[in-house]
Structures are given as structure tokens and as C-alpha cells.
Amino acid sequence: MKQVELLKNKATEQLVHEVDVGIHVVDLNGTTIIYNKKMAQIEGMNQLDVLNKKLVDVFSFHKNEDSTLLQALKNGEPIKNVKQTYFNNRGQEITTINHTIPIMDGRKRIGAMEIARDVTKLEKLLRENMNRKNDTYYTFDSIIGKSPAIREVIEASKRATRTNSSVLIIGDTGTGKELFAQSIHNGSGRSSASFISQNCAALPDNLIEGLLFGTKKGAFTGAIDRPGLFEQAEGGTLLLDEINSLNPSLQAKLLRVIQEKTVRRVGDTKDKKIDVRILATMNEDPIDAISEGRLRKDLYYRLSVVTLFIPPLRNRKEDIYELAYAFVQKYNHLFGLNVTLIHDNVLQTFMQYDWPGNVRELEHIIEGALNVITYENEISYNHLPMHFRKKIHIKPGTQKNNPQEVTASELQPLDKHMEEAEIDYLKQALQQFNFNITKTAEALRMSRQNLQYRLKKYGIRNHRDGSSGPK
């Protein structure tokens, strides 16, 4: 009998690892006790990183209840052929079709088992094809990061999908402003219509006017009847990037179009009704742009019905790990590599750096590292681009001879130092007037609107009521 039981156990163990479907079993506490090779392959994981660990400590879901395994464990009911999208501990997205059943000992529930088929590639292809029809690729699922700074902006952006109001997206170069703009479009009722993006700084004024508003035949030599971007975006969304680069006369014409919801082609005498949602971006403080004549105040008021401030990477450094591994996965796929690790020294360097180029700079650093990797499966310090290493100066883990010595890499950029000083000063002023906005603004010789803008920009909270912005 012992020989028969041994044979059964060995056959079962071998069968679990030979079948071409993923198998994942958890106990009553949600701890993994069986995790076959196919499941590890589907989820891009090492079996040892999953076995004997709680499911929620390894994989992330929008909510714990979204895990089909945990649902079956909690409710005691089987779940058949359910599609589930989730993330491994490196931020890699996985989509599976699951058949999940509770494991019972008589009437007692003792665990749950999931049989999964991988549809990750199919799901991505379907999503990409759908987005290409709309000239967009990004959704809110594309935005990587769990820091409070980025989650707050994501939630505000999701709320903006419910209306057709204009949105002004403010952020430094490389923070991902267009990613947020596309996500708002794809999450809105306009997602099936066109999304058109135009960088206002990319063309001279005499060309961008015709491009935006269209032209009528005979308006000038060589002019033909051609719809502008507003007409092309009918029913959809028009993103105007670097709106503050438009000259004041064009800004006035743009304001008229937004207010009256009509557009007149260059050289025409008739207006045409339009239904277009306007999103605009800026990479500078709009108050500065207004005071220095680069942005009309009335246009700013019209565009900033909803204002989003995308935080720079230096203010959300807790997202660097997840972002870095996401870019590794991206360039693994593009370059045909199998890099799975980033050395601790590299991650330490990333955490110490201020990232003036933001997320885009981090992506370029990862891309550069994967360009020089040969057979290794780990990014080491020596793989980092030379221009980046020169900025750092000191290799992580080494010590300076003189503890008082300050290297160029340790000096803060002037704009960051000034920003921190401004934040401290604003906090002191607010506390002095018990967070009364009107009194604080008067004492600082600035308008109430200007003060509120800066408090929102820096995320300074109202300590009286715990809100994310002073009242």
C-alpha cells in the first residue's frame, strides 16, 4: 500500500508540472502551497518567489477581492472562465482566463485551486488595435506608480472623464502629460471618436493657424479647402501641447472657438459648429506665464476648469522601482533580451538622483543599459550610460575621504532649492493665519487665486480639515 500511495503522490506531482495550464493552490490563509512551472512561466516569476508566500504579498490587484483565487476562498463557490488582469511584483501585467474552485474536506473549506490559461499577448494585441483606431495607446492602466502623489492625480483624472470640461495638465518635461491626456480621452464617452494631438511649439504661427482652424480655397496663394484640427476632432478630443507657446493673437482666436463652440476657416466668412473637448498642457507655472505675457489670463481661466499637476519623479521616488522594472520588460521585448534583475547599487543610485528629465529620462537610462548588455540577466552599475554615471560622480557604496566634502552631484539644482524654500515659507505663513487663505494672501501681497494655485501645485494640505487643498 505504501508503494501505491508513493506512486500516486509522485504521479500527481509530475502531472501538475507537465500540464500546459497554470496551476496555483492556496491554503485557507491565502498562502501558496502549489505553484506549477507553467504558472510561473505565465506570470514571469520564479517558483521560489511565490511558494509559501501570501498571494497579496506577491501579486497586486485593484482590490484583494478581485483575485479569483481569494474570491473562491472567501465565498466557497467555483468561478468558471473569468478573465483577470493583475500584476506581478515587478509591475508586469498579466491577463489569464481562470477556472477557480474551492477545495473542501467534507463541508470544511481548506483552500482553493486555480487553473489558468494565458491570454496576455492576445489581450495586448486587442487593446493596441482598438487604441490605434483612436490614435491613442494609453489608458489609466498604463500609468505606473502607487505613490500617493501619482495616485491622487490618477483619481482626479478619472473624475474628469465624466464631463466634457476643458482640462489643463501642468507638469515638467518628461512627466507623462500626454499619457494622462490619452487616458482621459480613452476613459470618457468620447473614446470611440478621434483623439488628435498637436504640439503648438512645433510649427510657426503662419502654419499653425491654418492647421488649427482650417483653410478656405483662395484664402492665400495655393490655399485649398481643408478642415483644421478642430473639425477633424469632431465628437472627440483635441490635445494642444505647450499651449503657452502660441502667440497672443492666436490665443485670442482659440479662446473664441472654445467659448462659442464654432470655428471659422482662414479666409472664410462662415462659422461652423463643433463638438470637441479641449485638453491642454504646459511645462511651466501658468501664473509666471501670465505675468510674463506668454499666456492670456482669460484663456487660462477657460482651459483650467479642471487642472492637473503631474508630479516630477523626484517627488514620487517610491515609484522608481516599479517604473524601472516596467521599462526593463518593455526593452526585453523590443531587444529580444531576458534581463530580470537590477542590481541594488543601481537602484540605490536611482533613488539618490533628482531626475531632471523625469520618467522619460529613467526610461532612456534603462534603454541605454539594455543596449550594452550581452549575456547578463542583471543591470549592473557598469551598464549605465557614461553620461549618467558622470552626473552621479560617486559609485554607490563608496565613501568620501572627507565627510564634510560636498560634490557637485550633491548640490541641489537652484530651482529645486527655491521650490523647497517657497514651500516652507508658505507653510509658515498659513500656520500664522490658521490656514485662512484670504488673510495669508493679503499678508504675502499676492492674489487669493495665485496662493491657491501654489498650494495645489505643491500639495500643501489644509491642516484644519485634512483636505488635499485649502478652502
Protein backbone atom coordinates (compact mmCIF):
# COMPACT_ATOMS: atom_id res chain seq x y z
CA MET A 1 0.00 0.00 0.00
CA LYS A 2 2.82 2.40 0.82
CA GLN A 3 4.30 1.80 -2.64
CA VAL A 4 0.91 2.57 -4.26
CA GLU A 5 0.48 5.80 -2.25
CA LEU A 6 4.03 6.86 -3.16
CA LEU A 7 3.31 6.19 -6.84
CA LYS A 8 0.08 8.24 -6.68
CA ASN A 9 1.81 11.16 -5.00
CA LYS A 10 4.73 11.18 -7.44
CA ALA A 11 2.42 10.86 -10.46
CA THR A 12 0.26 13.73 -9.18
CA GLU A 13 3.31 15.91 -8.55
CA GLN A 14 4.71 15.19 -12.03
CA LEU A 15 1.32 15.75 -13.67
CA VAL A 16 0.96 19.17 -12.03
CA HIS A 17 4.22 20.33 -13.58
CA GLU A 18 3.78 18.69 -17.01
CA VAL A 19 0.32 20.01 -17.94
CA ASP A 20 0.17 23.00 -20.29
CA VAL A 21 -2.01 25.12 -18.00
CA GLY A 22 -1.11 27.15 -14.94
CA ILE A 23 -1.99 25.64 -11.56
CA HIS A 24 -1.99 27.69 -8.36
CA VAL A 25 -3.21 26.39 -5.00
CA VAL A 26 -3.53 28.41 -1.78
CA ASP A 27 -4.43 27.37 1.74
CA LEU A 28 -7.09 28.92 3.93
CA ASN A 29 -4.77 31.83 4.76
CA GLY A 30 -4.15 32.67 1.11
CA THR A 31 -0.61 31.23 1.22
CA THR A 32 0.65 29.44 -1.91
CA ILE A 33 1.29 25.71 -1.40
CA ILE A 34 1.33 24.51 -5.04
CA TYR A 35 2.60 26.60 -7.96
CA ASN A 36 3.48 24.75 -11.15
CA LYS A 37 6.11 25.57 -13.77
CA LYS A 38 3.56 26.72 -16.34
CA MET A 39 2.03 29.21 -13.89
CA ALA A 40 5.49 30.57 -13.12
CA GLN A 41 6.09 30.99 -16.86
CA ILE A 42 2.75 32.75 -17.40
CA GLU A 43 3.37 35.16 -14.53
CA GLY A 44 7.08 35.73 -15.21
CA MET A 45 8.02 34.52 -11.75
CA ASN A 46 10.46 32.15 -10.05
CA GLN A 47 8.59 29.39 -8.21
CA LEU A 48 10.59 30.03 -5.03
CA ASP A 49 9.42 33.67 -5.02
CA VAL A 50 5.80 32.54 -4.79
CA LEU A 51 5.71 29.27 -2.83
CA ASN A 52 4.95 29.64 0.89
CA LYS A 53 4.12 33.33 0.49
CA LYS A 54 0.78 35.08 0.74
CA LEU A 55 -0.80 35.78 -2.63
CA VAL A 56 -1.34 39.50 -1.92
CA ASP A 57 2.33 39.94 -0.96
CA VAL A 58 3.48 38.82 -4.41
CA PHE A 59 0.74 39.93 -6.81
CA SER A 60 -1.24 43.16 -6.93
CA PHE A 61 -4.87 43.57 -7.88
CA HIS A 62 -7.10 46.63 -7.99
CA LYS A 63 -8.62 45.22 -4.81
CA ASN A 64 -7.85 41.98 -2.98
CA GLU A 65 -11.36 40.77 -3.78
CA ASP A 66 -10.57 40.99 -7.49
CA SER A 67 -8.33 37.92 -7.15
CA THR A 68 -10.40 34.96 -8.35
CA LEU A 69 -8.45 32.68 -6.01
CA LEU A 70 -9.31 34.83 -2.99
CA GLN A 71 -12.93 35.12 -4.14
CA ALA A 72 -13.30 31.32 -4.32
CA LEU A 73 -11.54 31.01 -0.97
CA LYS A 74 -13.84 33.57 0.64
CA ASN A 75 -17.18 32.61 -0.90
CA GLY A 76 -16.75 28.86 -1.27
CA GLU A 77 -18.18 28.99 -4.80
CA PRO A 78 -16.48 27.94 -8.06
CA ILE A 79 -15.67 30.63 -10.64
CA LYS A 80 -15.61 29.49 -14.27
CA ASN A 81 -13.93 31.09 -17.29
CA VAL A 82 -13.34 34.54 -15.79
CA LYS A 83 -10.79 36.92 -17.33
CA GLN A 84 -8.49 38.53 -14.78
CA THR A 85 -5.79 41.19 -15.22
CA TYR A 86 -3.24 41.72 -12.46
CA PHE A 87 0.46 42.50 -11.88
CA ASN A 88 3.45 40.56 -10.59
CA ASN A 89 5.92 42.09 -8.12
CA ARG A 90 7.90 43.71 -10.96
CA GLY A 91 4.87 45.57 -12.28
CA GLN A 92 4.44 43.25 -15.28
CA GLU A 93 0.81 43.00 -16.42
CA ILE A 94 -0.70 39.51 -16.73
CA THR A 95 -4.09 38.51 -18.17
CA THR A 96 -5.47 35.00 -17.73
CA ILE A 97 -8.72 33.08 -18.18
CA ASN A 98 -9.31 31.28 -14.89
CA HIS A 99 -11.28 28.28 -13.68
CA THR A 100 -11.17 28.51 -9.88
CA ILE A 101 -12.65 26.13 -7.33
CA PRO A 102 -12.65 25.93 -3.52
CA ILE A 103 -11.03 22.82 -2.02
CA MET A 104 -13.28 21.12 0.52
CA ASP A 105 -12.71 18.50 3.21
CA GLY A 106 -16.28 17.34 3.59
CA ARG A 107 -18.12 20.57 4.39
CA LYS A 108 -14.99 22.30 5.62
CA ARG A 109 -13.21 24.74 3.27
CA ILE A 110 -9.42 24.22 3.40
CA GLY A 111 -8.12 26.11 0.35
CA ALA A 112 -8.67 26.99 -3.30
CA MET A 113 -7.19 25.92 -6.65
CA GLU A 114 -6.92 27.90 -9.88
CA ILE A 115 -6.37 26.57 -13.41
CA ALA A 116 -5.26 29.40 -15.70
CA ARG A 117 -4.76 29.92 -19.43
CA ASP A 118 -2.50 32.76 -20.56
CA VAL A 119 -4.12 35.40 -22.81
CA THR A 120 -1.73 38.27 -22.01
CA LYS A 121 -0.42 38.69 -25.57
CA LEU A 122 -3.88 38.37 -27.09
CA GLU A 123 -5.28 40.98 -24.68
CA LYS A 124 -2.48 43.43 -25.52
CA LEU A 125 -2.98 42.96 -29.26
CA LEU A 126 -6.72 43.60 -28.96
CA ARG A 127 -6.11 46.69 -26.85
CA GLU A 128 -3.46 48.05 -29.22
CA ASN A 129 -5.68 47.54 -32.27
CA MET A 130 -8.57 49.28 -30.54
CA ASN A 131 -6.38 52.20 -29.49
CA ARG A 132 -4.83 52.59 -32.94
CA LYS A 133 -8.28 53.32 -34.35
CA ASN A 134 -8.45 56.25 -31.94
CA ASP A 135 -4.82 57.34 -32.48
CA THR A 136 -4.16 56.59 -28.80
CA TYR A 137 -2.28 53.88 -26.97
CA TYR A 138 -2.55 54.75 -23.29
CA THR A 139 -5.20 54.16 -20.64
CA PHE A 140 -5.11 54.65 -16.87
CA ASP A 141 -3.77 51.07 -16.63
CA SER A 142 -0.67 52.33 -18.48
CA ILE A 143 0.22 54.74 -15.69
CA ILE A 144 2.76 53.08 -13.40
CA GLY A 145 3.05 54.04 -9.76
CA LYS A 146 1.39 53.59 -6.39
CA SER A 147 2.77 56.64 -4.58
CA PRO A 148 0.20 58.98 -3.02
CA ALA A 149 1.39 61.79 -5.31
CA ILE A 150 0.61 59.93 -8.54
CA ARG A 151 -2.50 58.12 -7.25
CA GLU A 152 -4.09 61.47 -6.35
CA VAL A 153 -3.60 62.74 -9.91
CA ILE A 154 -4.91 59.49 -11.39
CA GLU A 155 -8.09 59.68 -9.30
CA ALA A 156 -8.62 63.34 -10.26
CA SER A 157 -8.10 62.43 -13.93
CA LYS A 158 -10.62 59.60 -13.70
CA ARG A 159 -13.19 62.02 -12.31
CA ALA A 160 -12.50 64.30 -15.28
CA THR A 161 -13.63 61.54 -17.69
CA ARG A 162 -17.24 62.02 -16.57
CA THR A 163 -17.61 65.50 -18.10
CA ASN A 164 -16.68 67.41 -21.25
CA SER A 165 -14.96 70.27 -19.42
CA SER A 166 -11.58 71.56 -20.58
CA VAL A 167 -8.56 70.19 -18.72
CA LEU A 168 -5.20 71.91 -18.21
CA ILE A 169 -2.38 69.45 -17.50
CA ILE A 170 0.70 71.03 -15.92
CA GLY A 171 3.98 69.21 -15.43
CA ASP A 172 7.71 69.26 -16.11
CA THR A 173 9.05 67.80 -19.35
CA GLY A 174 9.04 64.01 -19.24
CA THR A 175 6.42 63.56 -16.51
CA GLY A 176 3.86 61.96 -18.84
CA LYS A 177 1.35 64.71 -19.62
CA GLU A 178 0.18 63.17 -22.90
CA LEU A 179 -0.18 59.80 -21.21
CA PHE A 180 -2.72 61.38 -18.85
CA ALA A 181 -4.44 63.19 -21.74
CA GLN A 182 -4.87 59.97 -23.73
CA SER A 183 -6.09 58.15 -20.62
CA ILE A 184 -8.76 60.80 -20.03
CA HIS A 185 -9.91 60.51 -23.64
CA ASN A 186 -10.00 56.70 -23.58
CA GLY A 187 -11.87 56.71 -20.28
CA SER A 188 -14.50 59.19 -21.48
CA GLY A 189 -17.65 58.92 -23.56
CA ARG A 190 -15.62 60.27 -26.50
CA SER A 191 -13.28 57.28 -26.63
CA SER A 192 -14.76 55.93 -29.88
CA ALA A 193 -14.13 59.26 -31.66
CA SER A 194 -10.82 60.83 -32.70
CA PHE A 195 -8.04 61.91 -30.37
CA ILE A 196 -5.81 64.48 -32.09
CA SER A 197 -2.66 65.93 -30.56
CA GLN A 198 -0.74 68.99 -31.73
CA ASN A 199 2.42 70.49 -30.28
CA CYS A 200 1.83 74.24 -30.54
CA ALA A 201 5.58 74.97 -30.41
CA ALA A 202 6.42 72.70 -33.32
CA LEU A 203 5.19 74.98 -36.13
CA PRO A 204 5.45 78.70 -36.98
CA ASP A 205 2.40 80.89 -36.39
CA ASN A 206 1.51 81.26 -40.08
CA LEU A 207 1.21 77.48 -40.42
CA ILE A 208 -0.39 76.56 -37.11
CA GLU A 209 -3.35 78.93 -37.62
CA GLY A 210 -4.40 77.11 -40.80
CA LEU A 211 -3.64 73.78 -39.18
CA LEU A 212 -5.87 74.50 -36.17
CA PHE A 213 -8.77 76.28 -37.84
CA GLY A 214 -8.59 75.03 -41.44
CA THR A 215 -8.34 76.96 -44.72
CA LYS A 216 -10.71 78.04 -47.48
CA LYS A 217 -9.73 77.81 -51.13
CA GLY A 218 -8.37 81.13 -52.35
CA ALA A 219 -7.58 82.47 -48.86
CA PHE A 220 -3.95 82.77 -49.99
CA THR A 221 -1.82 81.51 -52.84
CA GLY A 222 -2.09 77.74 -53.00
CA ALA A 223 -4.78 77.54 -50.32
CA ILE A 224 -7.29 74.69 -50.66
CA ASP A 225 -10.44 73.75 -48.77
CA ARG A 226 -9.03 71.85 -45.83
CA PRO A 227 -10.54 71.11 -42.42
CA GLY A 228 -8.48 72.11 -39.39
CA LEU A 229 -7.75 70.04 -36.32
CA PHE A 230 -10.93 71.20 -34.59
CA GLU A 231 -13.06 69.83 -37.42
CA GLN A 232 -11.01 66.64 -37.62
CA ALA A 233 -11.53 66.06 -33.89
CA GLU A 234 -15.32 66.46 -34.17
CA GLY A 235 -17.03 64.46 -31.44
CA GLY A 236 -13.67 63.61 -29.89
CA THR A 237 -10.75 65.26 -28.10
CA LEU A 238 -8.12 67.79 -29.18
CA LEU A 239 -4.89 67.99 -27.16
CA LEU A 240 -2.96 71.24 -27.51
CA ASP A 241 0.56 70.66 -26.18
CA GLU A 242 2.61 73.63 -24.92
CA ILE A 243 -0.36 75.98 -25.24
CA ASN A 244 1.69 78.86 -23.82
CA SER A 245 3.89 78.86 -26.95
CA LEU A 246 1.05 80.26 -29.11
CA ASN A 247 1.28 83.99 -29.79
CA PRO A 248 -1.37 86.20 -28.09
CA SER A 249 -3.42 86.78 -31.28
CA LEU A 250 -3.74 83.03 -31.87
CA GLN A 251 -4.62 82.54 -28.21
CA ALA A 252 -7.45 85.07 -28.65
CA LYS A 253 -8.79 83.17 -31.70
CA LEU A 254 -8.52 79.90 -29.80
CA LEU A 255 -10.46 81.39 -26.89
CA ARG A 256 -13.25 82.45 -29.26
CA VAL A 257 -13.52 78.92 -30.68
CA ILE A 258 -13.70 77.38 -27.21
CA GLN A 259 -16.27 79.88 -25.94
CA GLU A 260 -18.59 79.90 -28.95
CA LYS A 261 -18.10 76.25 -29.97
CA THR A 262 -17.71 77.36 -33.59
CA VAL A 263 -14.70 77.53 -35.88
CA ARG A 264 -14.04 79.72 -38.92
CA ARG A 265 -11.52 78.58 -41.51
CA VAL A 266 -8.80 81.01 -42.55
CA GLY A 267 -10.21 83.06 -45.43
CA ASP A 268 -13.82 82.03 -44.82
CA THR A 269 -16.76 84.21 -43.72
CA LYS A 270 -18.89 81.46 -42.18
CA ASP A 271 -18.65 79.73 -38.83
CA LYS A 272 -19.11 76.01 -38.37
CA LYS A 273 -20.39 74.42 -35.17
CA ILE A 274 -18.05 71.97 -33.49
CA ASP A 275 -18.26 69.49 -30.63
CA VAL A 276 -14.71 68.99 -29.37
CA ARG A 277 -13.27 68.57 -25.89
CA ILE A 278 -10.09 70.58 -25.30
CA LEU A 279 -7.15 69.29 -23.29
CA ALA A 280 -4.05 71.49 -22.99
CA THR A 281 -0.61 71.03 -21.46
CA MET A 282 2.07 73.34 -20.08
CA ASN A 283 5.53 72.68 -18.68
CA GLU A 284 5.76 75.90 -16.67
CA ASP A 285 3.93 77.71 -13.90
CA PRO A 286 0.85 79.33 -15.56
CA ILE A 287 0.98 82.26 -13.12
CA ASP A 288 4.51 83.04 -14.34
CA ALA A 289 3.40 82.58 -17.96
CA ILE A 290 0.53 85.04 -17.45
CA SER A 291 2.63 87.66 -15.68
CA GLU A 292 5.32 87.43 -18.38
CA GLY A 293 2.83 87.66 -21.26
CA ARG A 294 3.12 84.11 -22.60
CA LEU A 295 -0.44 83.11 -21.63
CA ARG A 296 -3.63 85.14 -21.78
CA LYS A 297 -5.39 85.22 -18.44
CA ASP A 298 -8.85 84.72 -19.99
CA LEU A 299 -7.63 81.66 -21.92
CA TYR A 300 -6.12 80.25 -18.74
CA TYR A 301 -9.47 80.59 -16.94
CA ARG A 302 -11.26 78.89 -19.82
CA LEU A 303 -8.81 75.99 -20.06
CA SER A 304 -8.30 75.37 -16.34
CA VAL A 305 -11.85 74.22 -15.49
CA VAL A 306 -10.00 71.10 -14.35
CA THR A 307 -6.31 71.49 -13.53
CA LEU A 308 -3.99 68.52 -13.07
CA PHE A 309 -0.46 68.83 -11.67
CA ILE A 310 1.71 65.88 -12.71
CA PRO A 311 4.38 65.40 -10.00
CA PRO A 312 8.04 65.26 -11.05
CA LEU A 313 9.79 61.95 -10.46
CA ARG A 314 11.86 63.44 -7.62
CA ASN A 315 8.58 63.83 -5.69
CA ARG A 316 7.48 60.22 -6.23
CA LYS A 317 10.73 58.28 -5.84
CA GLU A 318 8.89 55.33 -4.29
CA ASP A 319 7.66 54.57 -7.84
CA ILE A 320 11.17 54.26 -9.31
CA TYR A 321 11.47 50.51 -8.60
CA GLU A 322 8.22 49.66 -10.37
CA LEU A 323 8.92 52.04 -13.27
CA ALA A 324 12.43 50.70 -13.80
CA TYR A 325 11.28 47.08 -13.98
CA ALA A 326 8.43 48.04 -16.32
CA PHE A 327 10.95 49.61 -18.71
CA VAL A 328 13.18 46.53 -18.43
CA GLN A 329 10.22 44.40 -19.54
CA LYS A 330 9.49 46.77 -22.42
CA TYR A 331 13.03 46.71 -23.80
CA ASN A 332 13.44 42.99 -23.14
CA HIS A 333 10.58 42.53 -25.60
CA LEU A 334 11.95 45.02 -28.14
CA PHE A 335 15.57 43.80 -27.99
CA GLY A 336 14.91 40.07 -27.51
CA LEU A 337 16.66 40.01 -24.12
CA ASN A 338 15.88 38.28 -20.83
CA VAL A 339 17.09 40.74 -18.20
CA THR A 340 15.27 40.03 -14.93
CA LEU A 341 17.20 41.94 -12.26
CA ILE A 342 18.53 45.41 -11.46
CA HIS A 343 21.48 45.44 -9.04
CA ASP A 344 20.89 47.07 -5.65
CA ASN A 345 23.69 49.59 -6.34
CA VAL A 346 21.86 50.73 -9.46
CA LEU A 347 18.55 51.09 -7.63
CA GLN A 348 20.34 52.99 -4.83
CA THR A 349 21.81 55.34 -7.44
CA PHE A 350 18.37 55.86 -8.96
CA MET A 351 16.95 56.77 -5.55
CA GLN A 352 19.71 59.34 -4.91
CA TYR A 353 19.36 61.06 -8.27
CA ASP A 354 16.96 64.01 -8.78
CA TRP A 355 15.80 63.05 -12.32
CA PRO A 356 15.53 66.45 -14.04
CA GLY A 357 14.25 64.61 -17.14
CA ASN A 358 11.70 62.72 -15.03
CA VAL A 359 10.17 59.39 -16.11
CA ARG A 360 11.32 59.86 -19.70
CA GLU A 361 14.94 60.15 -18.51
CA LEU A 362 14.61 56.97 -16.43
CA GLU A 363 13.28 55.12 -19.47
CA HIS A 364 16.21 56.34 -21.60
CA ILE A 365 18.70 55.19 -18.93
CA ILE A 366 17.15 51.70 -18.87
CA GLU A 367 17.10 51.57 -22.68
CA GLY A 368 20.77 52.62 -22.77
CA ALA A 369 21.73 49.94 -20.24
CA LEU A 370 19.97 47.19 -22.19
CA ASN A 371 21.78 48.29 -25.34
CA VAL A 372 25.16 47.34 -23.86
CA ILE A 373 24.14 44.16 -22.03
CA THR A 374 25.35 40.99 -23.75
CA TYR A 375 24.57 37.72 -21.96
CA GLU A 376 23.92 39.02 -18.43
CA ASN A 377 20.44 38.91 -16.88
CA GLU A 378 21.10 41.80 -14.47
CA ILE A 379 21.68 45.54 -14.96
CA SER A 380 24.83 46.48 -13.06
CA TYR A 381 26.34 49.90 -12.43
CA ASN A 382 28.77 49.47 -15.34
CA HIS A 383 25.88 49.04 -17.76
CA LEU A 384 24.57 52.54 -17.05
CA PRO A 385 25.28 55.11 -19.80
CA MET A 386 28.52 57.01 -19.23
CA HIS A 387 26.87 60.44 -19.35
CA PHE A 388 24.62 59.35 -16.47
CA ARG A 389 27.49 57.97 -14.40
CA LYS A 390 29.37 61.27 -14.83
CA LYS A 391 26.40 63.09 -13.30
CA ILE A 392 26.50 60.80 -10.26
CA HIS A 393 30.30 61.10 -9.77
CA ILE A 394 30.47 58.67 -6.86
CA LYS A 395 29.76 54.99 -7.32
CA PRO A 396 27.14 53.78 -4.82
CA GLY A 397 28.66 52.00 -1.82
CA THR A 398 31.88 54.05 -1.79
CA GLN A 399 32.73 56.62 0.87
CA LYS A 400 34.29 60.07 0.58
CA ASN A 401 37.55 60.69 2.41
CA ASN A 402 36.23 63.90 3.92
CA PRO A 403 32.69 63.63 5.36
CA GLN A 404 32.33 67.42 5.04
CA GLU A 405 33.19 67.39 1.35
CA VAL A 406 30.27 68.24 -0.93
CA THR A 407 30.49 67.08 -4.53
CA ALA A 408 28.74 68.66 -7.50
CA SER A 409 26.31 65.73 -7.58
CA GLU A 410 25.18 66.51 -4.02
CA LEU A 411 24.33 70.14 -4.76
CA GLN A 412 20.64 70.74 -5.36
CA PRO A 413 19.59 72.40 -8.62
CA LEU A 414 18.75 76.03 -7.88
CA ASP A 415 15.11 75.68 -8.96
CA LYS A 416 14.60 72.76 -6.58
CA HIS A 417 16.20 74.66 -3.69
CA MET A 418 13.99 77.68 -4.41
CA GLU A 419 10.92 75.47 -4.62
CA GLU A 420 11.62 73.90 -1.21
CA ALA A 421 12.22 77.34 0.31
CA GLU A 422 8.90 78.58 -1.14
CA ILE A 423 7.03 75.55 0.25
CA ASP A 424 8.46 76.12 3.75
CA TYR A 425 7.64 79.82 3.64
CA LEU A 426 4.05 79.20 2.50
CA LYS A 427 3.52 76.65 5.28
CA GLN A 428 4.81 79.11 7.89
CA ALA A 429 2.54 81.87 6.59
CA LEU A 430 -0.52 79.60 6.56
CA GLN A 431 0.10 78.43 10.11
CA GLN A 432 0.46 82.04 11.27
CA PHE A 433 -3.06 82.81 9.97
CA ASN A 434 -4.57 79.47 10.99
CA PHE A 435 -4.83 78.41 7.31
CA ASN A 436 -7.08 81.35 6.40
CA ILE A 437 -6.42 81.75 2.68
CA THR A 438 -7.64 85.32 2.34
CA LYS A 439 -5.57 86.68 5.24
CA THR A 440 -2.50 84.72 4.20
CA ALA A 441 -2.73 86.01 0.61
CA GLU A 442 -3.07 89.60 1.83
CA ALA A 443 -0.02 89.25 4.08
CA LEU A 444 2.02 87.77 1.21
CA ARG A 445 0.92 90.59 -1.16
CA MET A 446 -0.47 88.10 -3.67
CA SER A 447 -3.91 87.28 -5.05
CA ARG A 448 -6.03 84.59 -3.42
CA GLN A 449 -6.08 82.71 -6.73
CA ASN A 450 -2.29 82.79 -7.01
CA LEU A 451 -1.93 81.42 -3.48
CA GLN A 452 -4.48 78.67 -4.08
CA TYR A 453 -2.70 77.68 -7.27
CA ARG A 454 0.63 77.33 -5.48
CA LEU A 455 -0.87 75.35 -2.60
CA LYS A 456 -2.42 72.94 -5.08
CA LYS A 457 0.77 72.74 -7.12
CA TYR A 458 2.86 71.80 -4.08
CA GLY A 459 0.19 69.59 -2.49
CA ILE A 460 0.13 71.67 0.71
CA ARG A 461 -2.80 70.42 2.77
CA ASN A 462 -5.29 72.29 4.92
CA HIS A 463 -4.39 71.14 8.41
CA ARG A 464 -7.72 72.30 9.78
CA ASP A 465 -9.80 69.77 7.86
CA GLY A 466 -7.24 67.36 6.42
CA SER A 467 -8.28 68.08 2.82
CA SER A 468 -5.88 67.93 -0.08
CA GLY A 469 -6.28 71.62 -0.80
CA PRO A 470 -7.11 74.65 1.34
CA LYS A 471 -10.65 76.01 1.19
